[in-house]
Protein backbone atom coordinates (compact mmCIF):
# COMPACT_ATOMS: atom_id res chain seq x y z
CA UNK A 1 -3.22 -15.61 -0.59
CA UNK A 2 -0.92 -13.05 -2.08
CA UNK A 3 -0.05 -12.02 -5.60
CA UNK A 4 2.98 -13.90 -6.94
CA UNK A 5 5.40 -10.99 -7.26
CA UNK A 6 7.93 -12.94 -9.37
CA UNK A 7 5.23 -13.86 -11.91
CA UNK A 8 3.90 -10.30 -11.95
CA UNK A 9 7.37 -8.87 -12.52
CA UNK A 10 7.88 -11.20 -15.50
CA UNK A 11 5.26 -9.11 -17.33
CA UNK A 12 7.44 -6.04 -16.77
CA UNK A 13 10.67 -7.64 -18.04
CA UNK A 14 10.82 -5.31 -21.06
CA UNK A 15 10.76 -2.26 -18.80
CA UNK A 16 13.88 -2.75 -16.68
CA UNK A 17 13.27 0.40 -14.64
CA UNK A 18 9.85 -0.84 -13.41
CA UNK A 19 9.04 -3.55 -10.91
CA UNK A 20 6.37 -4.52 -8.40
CA UNK A 21 6.74 -5.37 -4.72
CA UNK A 22 4.61 -5.59 -1.61
CA UNK A 23 4.12 -2.32 0.23
CA UNK A 24 5.87 -1.64 3.51
CA UNK A 25 5.11 0.87 6.23
CA UNK A 26 7.91 3.03 4.81
CA UNK A 27 5.79 3.46 1.65
CA UNK A 28 2.80 5.01 3.41
CA UNK A 29 3.82 8.64 2.88
CA UNK A 30 4.34 8.10 -0.87
CA UNK A 31 1.18 6.04 -1.24
CA UNK A 32 -0.86 8.61 0.63
CA UNK A 33 0.51 11.37 -1.62
CA UNK A 34 -0.46 9.40 -4.74
CA UNK A 35 -3.91 8.63 -3.30
CA UNK A 36 -4.52 12.27 -2.36
CA UNK A 37 -3.47 13.49 -5.80
CA UNK A 38 -5.66 11.03 -7.73
CA UNK A 39 -8.89 10.81 -5.76
CA UNK A 40 -11.53 13.40 -4.93
CA UNK A 41 -12.40 11.24 -1.90
CA UNK A 42 -9.10 9.62 -0.94
CA UNK A 43 -8.53 6.82 1.51
CA UNK A 44 -7.18 8.06 4.81
CA UNK A 45 -3.68 7.26 6.03
CA UNK A 46 -5.29 4.93 8.58
CA UNK A 47 -7.17 3.05 5.84
CA UNK A 48 -3.94 2.59 3.88
CA UNK A 49 -2.18 1.45 7.05
CA UNK A 50 -4.97 -1.02 7.84
CA UNK A 51 -4.68 -2.73 4.45
CA UNK A 52 -0.89 -2.53 3.99
CA UNK A 53 -0.61 -6.33 3.61
CA UNK A 54 -2.85 -6.12 0.52
CA UNK A 55 -1.03 -3.26 -1.21
CA UNK A 56 1.30 -3.77 -4.17
CA UNK A 57 3.59 -0.95 -5.27
CA UNK A 58 4.71 -0.17 -8.81
CA UNK A 59 8.24 1.17 -8.67
CA UNK A 60 10.18 3.15 -11.24
CA UNK A 61 13.86 3.62 -10.50
CA UNK A 62 13.09 2.54 -6.91
CA UNK A 63 10.44 5.28 -6.49
CA UNK A 64 6.72 4.46 -5.98
CA UNK A 65 4.82 5.41 -9.14
CA UNK A 66 1.55 3.77 -8.19
CA UNK A 67 -0.14 1.20 -6.04
CA UNK A 68 -2.98 -1.30 -6.04
CA UNK A 69 -4.99 -2.83 -3.24
CA UNK A 70 -5.99 -6.41 -4.03
CA UNK A 71 -7.79 -8.72 -1.65
CA UNK A 72 -8.01 -12.45 -2.38
CA UNK A 73 -10.37 -14.85 -0.65
CA UNK A 74 -10.50 -18.47 -1.74
CA UNK A 75 -11.23 -18.47 -5.50
CA UNK A 76 -11.96 -14.74 -5.85
CA UNK A 77 -9.94 -11.55 -5.93
CA UNK A 78 -11.10 -7.97 -5.77
CA UNK A 79 -9.32 -4.80 -6.81
CA UNK A 80 -10.19 -2.27 -4.11
CA UNK A 81 -8.04 0.56 -5.45
CA UNK A 82 -5.47 1.33 -8.11
CA UNK A 83 -3.71 4.65 -8.55
CA UNK A 84 -0.84 5.95 -10.65
CA UNK A 85 1.00 9.17 -9.80
CA UNK A 86 -0.56 11.91 -11.99
CA UNK A 87 2.90 12.83 -13.35
CA UNK A 88 3.23 9.25 -14.64
CA UNK A 89 -0.26 8.87 -16.11
CA UNK A 90 -0.77 8.51 -19.85
CA UNK A 91 2.32 6.33 -20.30
CA UNK A 92 0.56 2.95 -20.13
CA UNK A 93 1.82 2.21 -16.62
CA UNK A 94 -1.63 1.53 -15.18
CA UNK A 95 -2.34 -0.99 -17.92
CA UNK A 96 1.02 -2.73 -17.52
CA UNK A 97 0.69 -2.73 -13.73
CA UNK A 98 -2.79 -4.27 -13.78
CA UNK A 99 -1.80 -6.84 -16.45
CA UNK A 100 1.13 -7.87 -14.27
CA UNK A 101 -1.03 -8.17 -11.17
CA UNK A 102 -3.56 -10.33 -13.04
CA UNK A 103 -0.75 -12.67 -14.13
CA UNK A 104 0.46 -12.84 -10.53
CA UNK A 105 -2.91 -13.74 -9.02
CA UNK A 106 -2.90 -17.07 -7.19
CA UNK A 107 -3.76 -19.96 -9.51
CA UNK A 108 -6.81 -20.70 -7.36
CA UNK A 109 -8.44 -17.37 -8.32
CA UNK A 110 -11.24 -17.91 -10.82
CA UNK A 111 -12.86 -14.45 -10.80
CA UNK A 112 -11.32 -11.00 -10.41
CA UNK A 113 -13.77 -8.23 -9.50
CA UNK A 114 -13.64 -4.44 -9.35
CA UNK A 115 -15.94 -1.45 -9.07
CA UNK A 116 -15.58 1.77 -11.03
CA UNK A 117 -17.47 5.04 -11.19
CA UNK A 118 -19.84 5.20 -14.17
CA UNK A 119 -18.19 8.52 -15.12
CA UNK A 120 -14.64 7.10 -15.17
CA UNK A 121 -14.62 6.36 -18.90
CA UNK A 122 -10.84 6.06 -19.11
CA UNK A 123 -10.71 3.38 -16.44
CA UNK A 124 -13.72 1.53 -17.87
CA UNK A 125 -12.04 1.41 -21.29
CA UNK A 126 -8.80 0.13 -19.72
CA UNK A 127 -10.63 -2.58 -17.78
CA UNK A 128 -12.53 -3.67 -20.89
CA UNK A 129 -9.25 -3.87 -22.85
CA UNK A 130 -7.90 -6.15 -20.10
CA UNK A 131 -10.87 -8.51 -20.36
CA UNK A 132 -13.17 -7.20 -17.63
CA UNK A 133 -16.89 -7.20 -18.39
CA UNK A 134 -19.72 -5.32 -16.73
CA UNK A 135 -21.79 -7.68 -14.59
CA UNK A 136 -23.90 -5.27 -12.50
CA UNK A 137 -24.38 -1.72 -11.22
CA UNK A 138 -24.61 -0.36 -7.70
CA UNK A 139 -26.92 2.62 -7.41
CA UNK A 140 -25.57 5.72 -5.62
CA UNK A 141 -22.41 3.89 -4.54
CA UNK A 142 -19.85 6.72 -4.76
CA UNK A 143 -19.96 10.24 -3.39
CA UNK A 144 -19.43 13.04 -5.86
CA UNK A 145 -19.74 16.81 -5.87
CA UNK A 146 -23.42 16.64 -6.79
CA UNK A 147 -24.45 13.89 -4.38
CA UNK A 148 -24.00 10.24 -5.35
CA UNK A 149 -22.86 8.31 -8.40
CA UNK A 150 -23.45 4.75 -9.55
CA UNK A 151 -20.73 2.12 -9.66
CA UNK A 152 -20.22 -0.44 -12.39
CA UNK A 153 -19.17 -3.85 -11.12
CA UNK A 154 -16.85 -5.63 -13.54
CA UNK A 155 -15.38 -9.12 -13.51
CA UNK A 156 -12.73 -11.06 -15.36
CA UNK A 157 -12.44 -14.83 -15.64
CA UNK A 158 -8.99 -16.01 -14.58
CA UNK A 159 -6.98 -19.18 -15.13
CA UNK A 160 -9.03 -20.71 -17.93
């Protein structure tokens, strides 16, 4: 089950220069550059390649500005990764992108899950503004410079 790109792009109608599409193998270099510039522990090129069918790209003037990895299984979806090019951050693109992807989720999806580092206050605030709520924590889930860091698991009810 894939995100409905047409429905997702309807959210971006007011921003004519932005749109969303499925990733292609031609995007891997750009996606890898964004991933490497936004994550202390980035996904490898092979990991991005392996999940290419689950990657959605946010474009601005036909150039990748960010991407998201979303996996859907039956009535659940999970955000595995979302990243916006650092030069484009602070403009509300991440919020718009995620709102659009939520709108485009298959109508069968009832719950949308994600995990976030406990120290990523900016992302946590964004997710809360978009209706995600903390449902659990995973101890020592992420690596960090000092050892390990907990993850917050968040969920959003969909299609109610």
